[in-house]
Amino acid sequence: MGLVLRKHSEVLKKSSDQFLLFLGIILISINLRTSIASVGPLIPFIREDLDISNGLAGSLTTLTLITFAIFSIFSPKIGKRLGNGRAIFLGILLLSIGVVVRVLGGVEILFVGTALTGVGIVIANVLMIPFFKAHLPEKLGLLTAILSTGMSLFAAIASGISVPLAVDLGWGWRGSLAFWVVFMLLALAVWFPQAKAKPIRNKGEGQVGKNVWKSRLAWQVTLFMGAQSVMYFTMVTWLPDMLISKGMSPVKAGIALSYMQLISLIGTFFAPSFLMKLRQQHMVILGVSLCYLLGYLLLFSSQEWVLFVAMTIIGIGSGASLSIAYTLISLRTAEDQTTSNLSGMVQSAGYVLAALGPMLFGISLDLVGNWDFLIWFLLAMTIQFLFFGWSAGKDQKI
């Protein structure tokens, strides 16, 4: 009888632990983009309050991406030293501190806090996929879908409610940005058991993994991710302002960006499990590229309904491309440490490219004042996305 009760208790504990793990993954995914996506719709308010230029405002997103690029290199080493569970906890803690710090003062404090949010995000972001592969490899497709979907869903929500929080509730841009720390604290509480747990022994532990920086395939995956990131972060930063220039109100422009990201959930959730069943993924990447091309071309229109059709098409492609990029990190590696190394490389070199997008466009807008340049820029990135994705999508291992 005692043995039966003990086994029953162990089953219940295992179920409870797995529930907390899944809930923790969901809560962490919620927090990996809200601090970035909430900024774009608020740029006009930040720009006016702090009296800064378009170029400087655009560099807020650039600064986050630069910290992504730098600390992506070190994140696998942090994960190896602390254990991925503890390192992810540290990342969310730094993110929450940065979100609070950036609203406490003027331009300098804003940039310090923004850099800190970038450090926190990238530590968690780089280590989530290796964490999945080490702990629950049989659920890799599902967990990648949950991660990508949570990121995209709450990025959409953050974009849509940033201006209403600032204007309708009277919180201003500072209160609107600080609001998201509530979800970060909740994630810390639920993830705490993973931070306390003893790191599991990964297969191949003690090895350094493959040198991904010398791998042609690794660079193809990285540049594919870079193109995807350039398009996403440039859109999130500047799409609301572009739509305002075409006659939309700030609230409606924020809702439009939110709508695009909500639509992206279709591609985000279903892509990983579908991709895991395919031997090669390059034809899927071709289809996503065509979505981008058509969607961006429709942005030349000033008719509101055409713009929403464009954002529907772009949104589906954007969601799928994020999931494809994350899934390729797992599919193109064999050992756990190589997965961590590739994840770090992809989010380091990839975000170096992404960091240039919002800032360069902001500077170009100050110089030429022509929003069509944004569309041509995004079309050029789509060509890079297809070029490198076609090779990265073929069945091979680093």
Protein backbone atom coordinates (compact mmCIF):
# COMPACT_ATOMS: atom_id res chain seq x y z
CA MET A 1 0.00 0.00 0.00
CA GLY A 2 2.82 2.35 0.94
CA LEU A 3 4.62 1.61 -2.33
CA VAL A 4 1.46 2.40 -4.32
CA LEU A 5 0.99 5.69 -2.48
CA ARG A 6 4.63 6.58 -3.00
CA LYS A 7 4.43 5.89 -6.73
CA HIS A 8 1.18 7.86 -6.94
CA SER A 9 2.86 10.75 -5.15
CA GLU A 10 5.82 10.61 -7.54
CA VAL A 11 3.49 10.70 -10.56
CA LEU A 12 1.65 13.70 -9.14
CA LYS A 13 4.92 15.49 -8.40
CA LYS A 14 6.21 14.80 -11.91
CA SER A 15 2.95 16.11 -13.41
CA SER A 16 3.12 19.20 -11.20
CA ASP A 17 6.76 19.84 -12.13
CA GLN A 18 6.00 19.47 -15.84
CA PHE A 19 3.03 21.83 -15.54
CA LEU A 20 5.23 24.46 -13.89
CA LEU A 21 7.87 23.94 -16.58
CA PHE A 22 5.37 24.48 -19.40
CA LEU A 23 3.84 27.47 -17.60
CA GLY A 24 7.31 28.91 -17.10
CA ILE A 25 8.12 28.52 -20.80
CA ILE A 26 4.88 30.30 -21.70
CA LEU A 27 5.58 33.17 -19.28
CA ILE A 28 9.15 33.59 -20.48
CA SER A 29 8.01 33.62 -24.11
CA ILE A 30 5.58 36.41 -23.19
CA ASN A 31 8.44 38.62 -22.01
CA LEU A 32 10.97 38.21 -24.82
CA ARG A 33 9.48 40.85 -27.13
CA THR A 34 7.09 43.08 -25.16
CA SER A 35 9.85 45.45 -24.04
CA ILE A 36 10.81 45.97 -27.70
CA ALA A 37 7.42 45.89 -29.41
CA SER A 38 5.94 48.39 -26.95
CA VAL A 39 8.46 51.07 -28.00
CA GLY A 40 7.54 51.54 -31.71
CA PRO A 41 4.04 53.01 -31.23
CA LEU A 42 5.39 55.28 -28.46
CA ILE A 43 8.29 56.76 -30.45
CA PRO A 44 6.35 59.96 -31.33
CA PHE A 45 5.70 60.52 -27.61
CA ILE A 46 9.28 59.70 -26.56
CA ARG A 47 10.67 61.88 -29.35
CA GLU A 48 8.53 64.86 -28.30
CA ASP A 49 9.06 64.47 -24.54
CA LEU A 50 12.85 64.05 -24.72
CA ASP A 51 13.33 66.26 -27.81
CA ILE A 52 15.35 63.73 -29.83
CA SER A 53 15.70 63.12 -33.58
CA ASN A 54 14.23 60.28 -35.64
CA GLY A 55 17.70 58.75 -35.93
CA LEU A 56 18.21 58.75 -32.16
CA ALA A 57 14.70 57.41 -31.57
CA GLY A 58 15.32 54.60 -34.05
CA SER A 59 18.58 53.77 -32.30
CA LEU A 60 16.60 52.65 -29.23
CA THR A 61 15.78 49.46 -31.10
CA THR A 62 19.30 49.41 -32.55
CA LEU A 63 20.84 49.55 -29.07
CA THR A 64 18.76 46.56 -27.98
CA LEU A 65 19.94 44.61 -31.01
CA ILE A 66 23.58 45.58 -30.44
CA THR A 67 23.38 44.16 -26.93
CA PHE A 68 21.78 41.06 -28.48
CA ALA A 69 24.74 40.75 -30.83
CA ILE A 70 27.40 41.19 -28.14
CA PHE A 71 25.93 39.05 -25.39
CA SER A 72 24.76 36.27 -27.72
CA ILE A 73 28.42 35.29 -27.93
CA PHE A 74 28.70 34.88 -24.17
CA SER A 75 25.27 33.38 -23.47
CA PRO A 76 26.25 29.74 -24.25
CA LYS A 77 29.20 30.08 -21.82
CA ILE A 78 26.90 31.57 -19.16
CA GLY A 79 24.49 28.68 -19.69
CA LYS A 80 27.29 26.13 -19.45
CA ARG A 81 28.61 27.68 -16.22
CA LEU A 82 25.31 28.26 -14.39
CA GLY A 83 23.12 25.69 -16.10
CA ASN A 84 20.59 26.84 -18.67
CA GLY A 85 17.71 27.00 -16.16
CA ARG A 86 19.59 29.36 -13.82
CA ALA A 87 20.98 31.43 -16.67
CA ILE A 88 17.49 31.95 -18.13
CA PHE A 89 16.30 33.10 -14.68
CA LEU A 90 19.19 35.59 -14.58
CA GLY A 91 18.22 36.87 -18.04
CA ILE A 92 14.62 37.59 -17.05
CA LEU A 93 15.80 39.26 -13.83
CA LEU A 94 18.10 41.60 -15.78
CA LEU A 95 15.28 42.29 -18.25
CA SER A 96 12.89 43.32 -15.47
CA ILE A 97 15.49 45.63 -13.92
CA GLY A 98 16.16 47.25 -17.31
CA VAL A 99 12.45 47.85 -17.99
CA VAL A 100 12.16 49.78 -14.72
CA VAL A 101 15.44 51.68 -15.08
CA ARG A 102 14.75 53.00 -18.59
CA VAL A 103 11.68 55.01 -17.52
CA LEU A 104 13.28 56.69 -14.48
CA GLY A 105 15.10 59.59 -16.12
CA GLY A 106 16.19 61.35 -19.29
CA VAL A 107 17.84 60.21 -22.50
CA GLU A 108 20.95 58.72 -20.85
CA ILE A 109 18.93 56.63 -18.36
CA LEU A 110 16.59 55.54 -21.16
CA PHE A 111 19.51 54.15 -23.12
CA VAL A 112 21.15 52.48 -20.09
CA GLY A 113 17.89 50.71 -19.21
CA THR A 114 17.31 49.75 -22.83
CA ALA A 115 20.77 48.16 -23.04
CA LEU A 116 20.07 46.20 -19.86
CA THR A 117 16.79 44.87 -21.29
CA GLY A 118 18.72 43.67 -24.34
CA VAL A 119 21.23 41.77 -22.19
CA GLY A 120 18.44 40.06 -20.28
CA ILE A 121 16.45 39.13 -23.36
CA VAL A 122 19.35 37.65 -25.25
CA ILE A 123 20.55 35.42 -22.41
CA ALA A 124 17.10 33.85 -22.12
CA ASN A 125 16.52 33.83 -25.87
CA VAL A 126 19.75 32.07 -26.80
CA LEU A 127 19.38 29.37 -24.15
CA MET A 128 15.71 28.43 -24.53
CA ILE A 129 16.17 26.18 -27.60
CA PRO A 130 19.16 24.32 -26.06
CA PHE A 131 17.12 23.99 -22.84
CA PHE A 132 14.28 22.36 -24.80
CA LYS A 133 16.63 20.02 -26.66
CA ALA A 134 18.33 18.90 -23.45
CA HIS A 135 15.24 18.51 -21.25
CA LEU A 136 12.38 17.53 -23.56
CA PRO A 137 13.79 16.62 -27.00
CA GLU A 138 10.65 14.63 -27.86
CA LYS A 139 8.58 17.82 -27.54
CA LEU A 140 11.02 20.11 -29.38
CA GLY A 141 8.56 21.10 -32.13
CA LEU A 142 5.76 21.85 -29.64
CA LEU A 143 7.99 23.84 -27.29
CA THR A 144 9.49 25.85 -30.16
CA ALA A 145 5.93 26.63 -31.31
CA ILE A 146 4.95 27.72 -27.79
CA LEU A 147 8.04 29.92 -27.50
CA SER A 148 7.55 31.58 -30.90
CA THR A 149 3.80 31.97 -30.46
CA GLY A 150 4.09 33.52 -27.01
CA MET A 151 6.68 35.98 -28.28
CA SER A 152 4.59 36.99 -31.29
CA LEU A 153 1.25 37.12 -29.45
CA PHE A 154 2.42 39.41 -26.70
CA ALA A 155 4.49 41.51 -29.07
CA ALA A 156 1.20 42.11 -30.89
CA ILE A 157 -0.61 42.92 -27.65
CA ALA A 158 2.18 45.24 -26.54
CA SER A 159 2.08 47.10 -29.86
CA GLY A 160 -1.69 47.45 -29.72
CA ILE A 161 -2.12 48.68 -26.15
CA SER A 162 0.99 50.85 -25.72
CA VAL A 163 -0.69 54.05 -26.91
CA PRO A 164 -4.01 53.40 -25.08
CA LEU A 165 -2.07 52.81 -21.84
CA ALA A 166 -0.13 56.02 -22.39
CA VAL A 167 -3.03 58.21 -23.57
CA ASP A 168 -6.38 56.74 -22.51
CA LEU A 169 -5.21 55.72 -19.03
CA GLY A 170 -2.96 58.75 -18.72
CA TRP A 171 0.14 56.75 -17.80
CA GLY A 172 2.35 58.46 -20.38
CA TRP A 173 5.03 56.61 -22.32
CA ARG A 174 6.94 55.84 -19.10
CA GLY A 175 4.04 54.10 -17.39
CA SER A 176 3.13 52.29 -20.59
CA LEU A 177 6.64 50.83 -20.93
CA ALA A 178 6.93 49.97 -17.22
CA PHE A 179 3.62 48.07 -17.21
CA TRP A 180 5.22 44.93 -18.66
CA VAL A 181 7.42 44.35 -15.60
CA VAL A 182 4.39 42.69 -13.96
CA PHE A 183 4.63 39.74 -16.35
CA MET A 184 8.41 39.53 -15.86
CA LEU A 185 8.04 39.21 -12.10
CA LEU A 186 5.42 36.52 -12.59
CA ALA A 187 7.77 34.63 -14.93
CA LEU A 188 10.55 34.81 -12.34
CA ALA A 189 8.31 33.32 -9.67
CA VAL A 190 7.17 30.40 -11.84
CA TRP A 191 10.64 29.71 -13.30
CA PHE A 192 12.32 29.70 -9.88
CA PRO A 193 12.17 25.85 -9.52
CA GLN A 194 14.19 25.57 -12.77
CA ALA A 195 16.78 27.97 -11.32
CA LYS A 196 17.07 25.85 -8.16
CA ALA A 197 17.22 22.52 -9.99
CA LYS A 198 20.57 20.85 -10.48
CA PRO A 199 21.62 21.21 -14.14
CA ILE A 200 21.10 17.97 -16.06
CA ARG A 201 24.01 16.31 -17.79
CA ASN A 202 23.68 16.91 -21.51
CA LYS A 203 24.90 14.38 -24.02
CA GLY A 204 28.39 15.26 -25.04
CA GLU A 205 28.95 17.22 -21.83
CA GLY A 206 32.60 18.18 -21.42
CA GLN A 207 32.92 18.84 -25.14
CA VAL A 208 33.00 22.34 -26.59
CA GLY A 209 30.86 21.41 -29.60
CA LYS A 210 31.61 22.21 -33.24
CA ASN A 211 33.24 25.52 -34.18
CA VAL A 212 30.18 27.01 -35.85
CA TRP A 213 31.99 30.19 -36.86
CA LYS A 214 33.95 28.19 -39.44
CA SER A 215 30.88 26.43 -40.84
CA ARG A 216 29.38 27.61 -44.13
CA LEU A 217 26.02 26.13 -43.14
CA ALA A 218 26.10 27.98 -39.81
CA TRP A 219 26.66 31.27 -41.66
CA GLN A 220 23.75 30.51 -43.99
CA VAL A 221 21.44 29.95 -41.01
CA THR A 222 22.84 33.08 -39.36
CA LEU A 223 22.34 35.36 -42.37
CA PHE A 224 18.86 33.93 -42.87
CA MET A 225 18.05 34.84 -39.27
CA GLY A 226 19.67 38.24 -39.82
CA ALA A 227 17.39 39.05 -42.75
CA GLN A 228 14.33 37.92 -40.79
CA SER A 229 15.37 40.05 -37.82
CA VAL A 230 16.11 43.14 -39.92
CA MET A 231 12.62 42.99 -41.44
CA TYR A 232 10.86 42.35 -38.13
CA PHE A 233 12.60 44.99 -36.01
CA THR A 234 12.50 47.65 -38.72
CA MET A 235 8.77 47.04 -39.17
CA VAL A 236 8.06 47.08 -35.43
CA THR A 237 10.01 50.31 -34.99
CA TRP A 238 8.83 52.31 -38.00
CA LEU A 239 5.57 50.86 -39.36
CA PRO A 240 3.33 52.90 -36.99
CA ASP A 241 5.02 56.17 -38.04
CA MET A 242 4.72 55.22 -41.73
CA LEU A 243 1.02 54.47 -41.34
CA ILE A 244 0.51 57.78 -39.53
CA SER A 245 2.14 59.50 -42.53
CA LYS A 246 -0.51 57.80 -44.71
CA GLY A 247 -3.34 59.28 -42.64
CA MET A 248 -3.90 56.84 -39.76
CA SER A 249 -4.25 58.08 -36.18
CA PRO A 250 -1.52 57.01 -33.68
CA VAL A 251 -3.98 54.66 -31.95
CA LYS A 252 -5.07 53.02 -35.22
CA ALA A 253 -1.45 52.72 -36.38
CA GLY A 254 -0.58 50.88 -33.16
CA ILE A 255 -3.61 48.62 -33.62
CA ALA A 256 -2.52 47.93 -37.22
CA LEU A 257 0.91 46.80 -36.03
CA SER A 258 -0.77 44.69 -33.37
CA TYR A 259 -3.06 43.15 -36.00
CA MET A 260 -0.09 42.21 -38.18
CA GLN A 261 1.56 40.44 -35.27
CA LEU A 262 -1.64 38.68 -34.23
CA ILE A 263 -2.02 37.34 -37.77
CA SER A 264 1.57 36.14 -37.56
CA LEU A 265 0.49 33.60 -34.94
CA ILE A 266 -0.92 31.44 -37.73
CA GLY A 267 2.55 30.90 -39.15
CA THR A 268 4.32 30.98 -35.79
CA PHE A 269 2.41 28.16 -34.11
CA PHE A 270 1.99 25.71 -36.97
CA ALA A 271 5.37 26.06 -38.68
CA PRO A 272 7.68 24.22 -36.19
CA SER A 273 5.74 20.94 -36.01
CA PHE A 274 5.26 21.00 -39.81
CA LEU A 275 8.96 21.70 -40.42
CA MET A 276 10.05 18.87 -38.11
CA LYS A 277 8.23 16.41 -40.39
CA LEU A 278 10.06 17.58 -43.52
CA ARG A 279 13.47 16.36 -44.59
CA GLN A 280 14.14 19.72 -46.28
CA GLN A 281 12.59 23.12 -45.59
CA HIS A 282 13.76 25.27 -48.53
CA MET A 283 10.43 25.17 -50.41
CA VAL A 284 8.63 26.47 -47.33
CA ILE A 285 11.15 29.33 -47.19
CA LEU A 286 10.39 30.11 -50.85
CA GLY A 287 6.66 30.36 -50.05
CA VAL A 288 7.31 32.68 -47.11
CA SER A 289 9.55 34.87 -49.31
CA LEU A 290 6.73 35.28 -51.85
CA CYS A 291 4.42 36.37 -49.01
CA TYR A 292 6.92 39.05 -48.01
CA LEU A 293 7.37 40.31 -51.58
CA LEU A 294 3.63 40.65 -52.22
CA GLY A 295 2.93 42.19 -48.84
CA TYR A 296 5.67 44.81 -49.08
CA LEU A 297 4.63 45.83 -52.60
CA LEU A 298 1.09 46.47 -51.33
CA LEU A 299 2.49 48.91 -48.73
CA PHE A 300 3.04 51.45 -51.53
CA SER A 301 -0.73 52.02 -51.46
CA SER A 302 -2.33 54.69 -49.27
CA GLN A 303 -5.73 52.97 -49.12
CA GLU A 304 -6.42 51.66 -45.66
CA TRP A 305 -7.97 48.36 -46.73
CA VAL A 306 -5.01 47.60 -49.01
CA LEU A 307 -2.62 48.33 -46.14
CA PHE A 308 -4.48 45.87 -43.94
CA VAL A 309 -4.32 43.22 -46.69
CA ALA A 310 -0.57 43.87 -46.88
CA MET A 311 -0.17 43.46 -43.13
CA THR A 312 -2.17 40.23 -43.23
CA ILE A 313 0.18 38.72 -45.81
CA ILE A 314 3.34 40.09 -44.14
CA GLY A 315 2.12 38.91 -40.75
CA ILE A 316 1.68 35.30 -41.84
CA GLY A 317 5.14 35.33 -43.44
CA SER A 318 6.74 37.00 -40.42
CA GLY A 319 5.34 34.47 -37.98
CA ALA A 320 6.45 31.53 -40.08
CA SER A 321 9.93 32.95 -40.66
CA LEU A 322 10.61 33.36 -36.93
CA SER A 323 9.64 29.74 -36.28
CA ILE A 324 11.69 28.57 -39.25
CA ALA A 325 14.78 30.38 -37.93
CA TYR A 326 14.46 28.85 -34.46
CA THR A 327 13.69 25.39 -35.81
CA LEU A 328 16.71 25.42 -38.13
CA ILE A 329 18.98 25.92 -35.11
CA SER A 330 17.89 22.50 -33.85
CA LEU A 331 17.60 20.74 -37.21
CA ARG A 332 21.08 21.71 -38.42
CA THR A 333 22.95 20.51 -35.29
CA ALA A 334 23.51 17.11 -33.69
CA GLU A 335 25.09 17.75 -30.26
CA ASP A 336 23.57 19.89 -27.49
CA GLN A 337 26.63 22.11 -27.12
CA THR A 338 26.76 22.70 -30.88
CA THR A 339 23.09 23.72 -30.68
CA SER A 340 24.02 26.27 -27.98
CA ASN A 341 26.97 27.50 -30.03
CA LEU A 342 24.85 27.91 -33.15
CA SER A 343 22.08 29.63 -31.20
CA GLY A 344 24.64 32.10 -29.85
CA MET A 345 26.15 32.70 -33.29
CA VAL A 346 22.79 33.11 -35.03
CA GLN A 347 21.60 35.65 -32.49
CA SER A 348 24.96 37.44 -32.39
CA ALA A 349 25.97 37.93 -36.01
CA GLY A 350 22.32 37.92 -37.06
CA TYR A 351 21.43 40.77 -34.75
CA VAL A 352 24.46 42.79 -35.83
CA LEU A 353 22.71 42.98 -39.19
CA ALA A 354 19.33 43.59 -37.58
CA ALA A 355 20.74 46.45 -35.49
CA LEU A 356 21.49 48.46 -38.61
CA GLY A 357 17.93 48.43 -39.95
CA PRO A 358 15.96 50.73 -37.61
CA MET A 359 18.83 53.20 -37.13
CA LEU A 360 19.81 53.49 -40.80
CA PHE A 361 16.23 53.98 -41.85
CA GLY A 362 15.74 56.63 -39.15
CA ILE A 363 18.80 58.52 -40.42
CA SER A 364 17.59 58.15 -44.03
CA LEU A 365 14.18 59.51 -43.08
CA ASP A 366 15.80 62.55 -41.49
CA LEU A 367 17.77 63.14 -44.72
CA VAL A 368 15.22 62.40 -47.47
CA GLY A 369 11.83 62.35 -45.72
CA ASN A 370 10.51 59.62 -48.05
CA TRP A 371 8.68 56.64 -46.53
CA ASP A 372 8.92 54.64 -49.78
CA PHE A 373 12.58 54.02 -48.93
CA LEU A 374 11.39 51.78 -46.07
CA ILE A 375 9.49 49.56 -48.49
CA TRP A 376 12.41 49.23 -50.92
CA PHE A 377 14.68 48.41 -48.01
CA LEU A 378 12.35 45.62 -46.86
CA LEU A 379 12.11 44.22 -50.40
CA ALA A 380 15.92 44.03 -50.56
CA MET A 381 15.99 42.15 -47.25
CA THR A 382 13.48 39.66 -48.65
CA ILE A 383 15.92 38.75 -51.41
CA GLN A 384 18.62 38.07 -48.79
CA PHE A 385 16.10 36.05 -46.76
CA LEU A 386 15.40 33.79 -49.75
CA PHE A 387 19.02 33.54 -50.92
CA PHE A 388 20.42 32.26 -47.61
CA GLY A 389 17.27 30.42 -46.57
CA TRP A 390 17.30 28.31 -49.73
CA SER A 391 20.65 26.79 -48.72
CA ALA A 392 19.99 26.68 -44.96
CA GLY A 393 16.72 24.86 -45.59
CA LYS A 394 18.37 21.81 -47.15
CA ASP A 395 18.96 18.60 -45.19
CA GLN A 396 22.45 18.77 -43.70
CA LYS A 397 24.23 18.99 -40.31
CA ILE A 398 27.02 21.15 -39.00
